[in-house]
Amino acid sequence: MLNRKRTHNIMVGKYLMFIPVVALLLLFSNCANKKTDKAQSDTEKADTVVAVEPEKKAEPQAEATLPQEKTDSIYSVVETMPDYLGGQKELLSFLSRNIKYPTKAEENKIQGRVVIQFVVNKDGSVSDAKVVRSVDPELDKEALRVVNSMPQWKPGMQKGEAVSVKYTIPIAFRLP
């Protein structure tokens, strides 16, 4: 004890400040637990209600249902993604040739990037175009118009078979 340093008054003060902080944390955590306990008890009450329906005898079906073929699903990722005929360079060229900057957006000096998502179907046609990220309704409308007017694509392939695939492209609108 003689060789040990004495604790300064500042350190004692820090320890004393720590006690109320811990007490407040415990108080708040208990309050939060009471709210969740109340919510759980409400659901337990709801679980105790039982509805009894009169028994119905099963009637034999006259027709046997055949398993239907799997409906056409739309893939997000496939072995070979759809490709614009002519490649990405030709796609960018098509977009730049066909996009007409809306006059209203040009007057208001609105610019930005509109992200469009669409489906490239098994036959290569484009459908279900929608705006994923919007900038302005006028720019969105123009981007959708151009995407819907795209020519055929080379469809995506999964296990050697043409499938429908979701495709997303950003279209940048910039004023000169």
Protein backbone atom coordinates (compact mmCIF):
# COMPACT_ATOMS: atom_id res chain seq x y z
CA MET A 1 0.00 0.00 0.00
CA LEU A 2 2.87 2.35 0.60
CA ASN A 3 4.26 1.88 -2.92
CA ARG A 4 0.88 2.25 -4.63
CA LYS A 5 -0.09 5.58 -6.20
CA ARG A 6 -3.12 7.33 -4.82
CA THR A 7 -6.08 7.68 -7.16
CA HIS A 8 -6.60 11.28 -8.14
CA ASN A 9 -9.88 12.97 -7.39
CA ILE A 10 -10.56 13.33 -11.12
CA MET A 11 -10.45 9.56 -11.60
CA VAL A 12 -12.84 9.06 -8.69
CA GLY A 13 -15.19 11.58 -10.32
CA LYS A 14 -15.07 9.67 -13.61
CA TYR A 15 -16.00 6.43 -11.87
CA LEU A 16 -18.87 8.16 -10.09
CA MET A 17 -20.17 9.56 -13.41
CA PHE A 18 -20.09 6.08 -14.91
CA ILE A 19 -22.60 4.70 -12.37
CA PRO A 20 -25.57 6.95 -13.38
CA VAL A 21 -24.90 6.29 -17.08
CA VAL A 22 -25.11 2.53 -16.52
CA ALA A 23 -28.26 2.97 -14.42
CA LEU A 24 -29.93 4.98 -17.23
CA LEU A 25 -28.99 2.36 -19.82
CA LEU A 26 -30.53 -0.38 -17.70
CA LEU A 27 -33.67 1.70 -17.18
CA PHE A 28 -34.12 2.35 -20.91
CA SER A 29 -33.47 -1.26 -21.88
CA ASN A 30 -36.08 -2.45 -19.37
CA CYS A 31 -38.63 0.01 -20.76
CA ALA A 32 -38.05 -1.33 -24.26
CA ASN A 33 -38.44 -4.92 -23.02
CA LYS A 34 -41.80 -4.10 -21.39
CA LYS A 35 -43.14 -2.82 -24.71
CA THR A 36 -42.09 -5.98 -26.55
CA ASP A 37 -43.51 -8.13 -23.73
CA LYS A 38 -46.84 -6.35 -24.10
CA ALA A 39 -46.80 -6.94 -27.85
CA GLN A 40 -46.01 -10.61 -27.30
CA SER A 41 -48.83 -11.00 -24.79
CA ASP A 42 -51.25 -9.44 -27.29
CA THR A 43 -50.24 -11.98 -29.92
CA GLU A 44 -50.56 -14.79 -27.39
CA LYS A 45 -54.13 -13.68 -26.69
CA ALA A 46 -54.83 -13.70 -30.41
CA ASP A 47 -53.33 -17.18 -30.74
CA THR A 48 -55.76 -18.60 -28.18
CA VAL A 49 -58.81 -17.89 -30.37
CA VAL A 50 -59.75 -21.04 -32.23
CA ALA A 51 -62.22 -21.14 -35.09
CA VAL A 52 -64.05 -24.42 -35.53
CA GLU A 53 -65.52 -25.22 -38.90
CA PRO A 54 -67.89 -28.11 -39.54
CA GLU A 55 -66.23 -31.09 -41.15
CA LYS A 56 -66.59 -31.42 -44.87
CA LYS A 57 -66.24 -34.73 -46.60
CA ALA A 58 -63.79 -34.78 -49.44
CA GLU A 59 -65.39 -35.45 -52.76
CA PRO A 60 -63.45 -37.30 -55.42
CA GLN A 61 -62.37 -35.16 -58.32
CA ALA A 62 -63.80 -36.07 -61.66
CA GLU A 63 -60.77 -34.88 -63.61
CA ALA A 64 -57.18 -35.64 -62.88
CA THR A 65 -55.00 -32.57 -63.12
CA LEU A 66 -51.91 -32.94 -65.21
CA PRO A 67 -48.77 -31.18 -64.07
CA GLN A 68 -48.48 -28.02 -66.10
CA GLU A 69 -45.31 -27.04 -67.81
CA LYS A 70 -43.18 -24.54 -66.01
CA THR A 71 -44.33 -21.04 -66.91
CA ASP A 72 -41.88 -18.76 -68.59
CA SER A 73 -39.81 -17.24 -65.85
CA ILE A 74 -37.77 -14.10 -66.21
CA TYR A 75 -34.11 -14.49 -65.29
CA SER A 76 -31.84 -11.84 -63.84
CA VAL A 77 -28.56 -13.63 -64.49
CA VAL A 78 -27.98 -16.25 -67.17
CA GLU A 79 -25.05 -18.03 -68.76
CA THR A 80 -25.13 -15.74 -71.81
CA MET A 81 -26.70 -12.32 -71.25
CA PRO A 82 -28.81 -10.75 -74.03
CA ASP A 83 -26.85 -8.67 -76.49
CA TYR A 84 -27.89 -5.82 -78.74
CA LEU A 85 -27.31 -6.74 -82.37
CA GLY A 86 -24.03 -5.03 -83.17
CA GLY A 87 -22.85 -4.91 -79.56
CA GLN A 88 -22.67 -2.19 -76.92
CA LYS A 89 -21.17 0.32 -79.31
CA GLU A 90 -24.16 -0.01 -81.65
CA LEU A 91 -26.56 0.24 -78.67
CA LEU A 92 -25.00 3.54 -77.59
CA SER A 93 -25.17 4.75 -81.18
CA PHE A 94 -28.88 3.83 -81.38
CA LEU A 95 -29.62 5.66 -78.14
CA SER A 96 -27.76 8.81 -79.18
CA ARG A 97 -29.49 8.88 -82.60
CA ASN A 98 -33.01 8.40 -81.24
CA ILE A 99 -33.11 10.37 -77.99
CA LYS A 100 -34.73 13.77 -78.44
CA TYR A 101 -34.12 16.02 -75.43
CA PRO A 102 -37.56 17.18 -74.17
CA THR A 103 -37.96 20.95 -74.69
CA LYS A 104 -39.52 21.43 -71.26
CA ALA A 105 -36.55 19.73 -69.58
CA GLU A 106 -34.15 21.72 -71.76
CA GLU A 107 -35.80 25.02 -70.77
CA ASN A 108 -35.61 24.11 -67.07
CA LYS A 109 -32.02 22.90 -67.53
CA ILE A 110 -32.83 19.46 -66.13
CA GLN A 111 -30.22 16.80 -66.68
CA GLY A 112 -29.26 13.51 -65.10
CA ARG A 113 -29.23 9.76 -65.52
CA VAL A 114 -32.43 7.75 -65.93
CA VAL A 115 -32.10 4.03 -65.22
CA ILE A 116 -34.46 1.83 -67.25
CA GLN A 117 -35.15 -1.86 -66.66
CA PHE A 118 -36.77 -4.01 -69.32
CA VAL A 119 -37.17 -7.64 -70.33
CA VAL A 120 -35.52 -9.12 -73.40
CA ASN A 121 -37.90 -11.94 -74.35
CA LYS A 122 -37.06 -15.34 -75.84
CA ASP A 123 -37.61 -13.98 -79.33
CA GLY A 124 -35.38 -10.95 -78.69
CA SER A 125 -38.18 -8.41 -78.39
CA VAL A 126 -38.13 -5.74 -75.67
CA SER A 127 -41.05 -5.52 -73.22
CA ASP A 128 -42.05 -4.43 -69.70
CA ALA A 129 -39.84 -1.33 -69.71
CA LYS A 130 -40.01 0.64 -66.47
CA VAL A 131 -38.09 3.42 -64.79
CA VAL A 132 -35.93 2.22 -61.91
CA ARG A 133 -34.32 5.56 -61.11
CA SER A 134 -36.07 8.74 -62.12
CA VAL A 135 -34.76 12.24 -62.73
CA ASP A 136 -37.75 14.06 -64.19
CA PRO A 137 -41.05 12.79 -65.66
CA GLU A 138 -40.24 14.30 -69.07
CA LEU A 139 -36.83 12.61 -69.24
CA ASP A 140 -38.35 9.34 -67.98
CA LYS A 141 -41.00 9.42 -70.70
CA GLU A 142 -38.37 9.99 -73.41
CA ALA A 143 -36.13 7.20 -72.11
CA LEU A 144 -39.08 4.77 -72.05
CA ARG A 145 -40.07 5.79 -75.59
CA VAL A 146 -36.60 5.07 -76.94
CA VAL A 147 -36.23 1.75 -75.09
CA ASN A 148 -39.64 0.55 -76.29
CA SER A 149 -38.69 1.43 -79.89
CA MET A 150 -35.51 -0.69 -79.82
CA PRO A 151 -35.15 -3.34 -82.51
CA GLN A 152 -34.67 -7.04 -81.80
CA TRP A 153 -31.93 -8.19 -79.42
CA LYS A 154 -30.03 -11.45 -79.36
CA PRO A 155 -31.83 -13.26 -76.47
CA GLY A 156 -30.14 -14.55 -73.34
CA MET A 157 -29.25 -18.23 -73.15
CA GLN A 158 -29.55 -20.62 -70.21
CA LYS A 159 -28.50 -24.26 -70.68
CA GLY A 160 -28.48 -23.79 -74.45
CA GLU A 161 -32.05 -22.49 -74.51
CA ALA A 162 -33.30 -18.96 -75.20
CA VAL A 163 -34.87 -17.41 -72.09
CA SER A 164 -36.39 -14.09 -71.04
CA VAL A 165 -33.94 -11.91 -69.11
CA LYS A 166 -34.22 -8.63 -67.19
CA TYR A 167 -31.81 -6.03 -68.47
CA THR A 168 -31.00 -2.61 -66.99
CA ILE A 169 -29.40 0.33 -68.77
CA PRO A 170 -28.62 3.87 -67.67
CA ILE A 171 -29.48 6.66 -70.08
CA ALA A 172 -27.65 9.93 -69.44
CA PHE A 173 -29.28 13.23 -70.35
CA ARG A 174 -26.74 16.06 -70.52
CA LEU A 175 -27.15 19.57 -71.79
CA PRO A 176 -24.35 21.01 -73.95
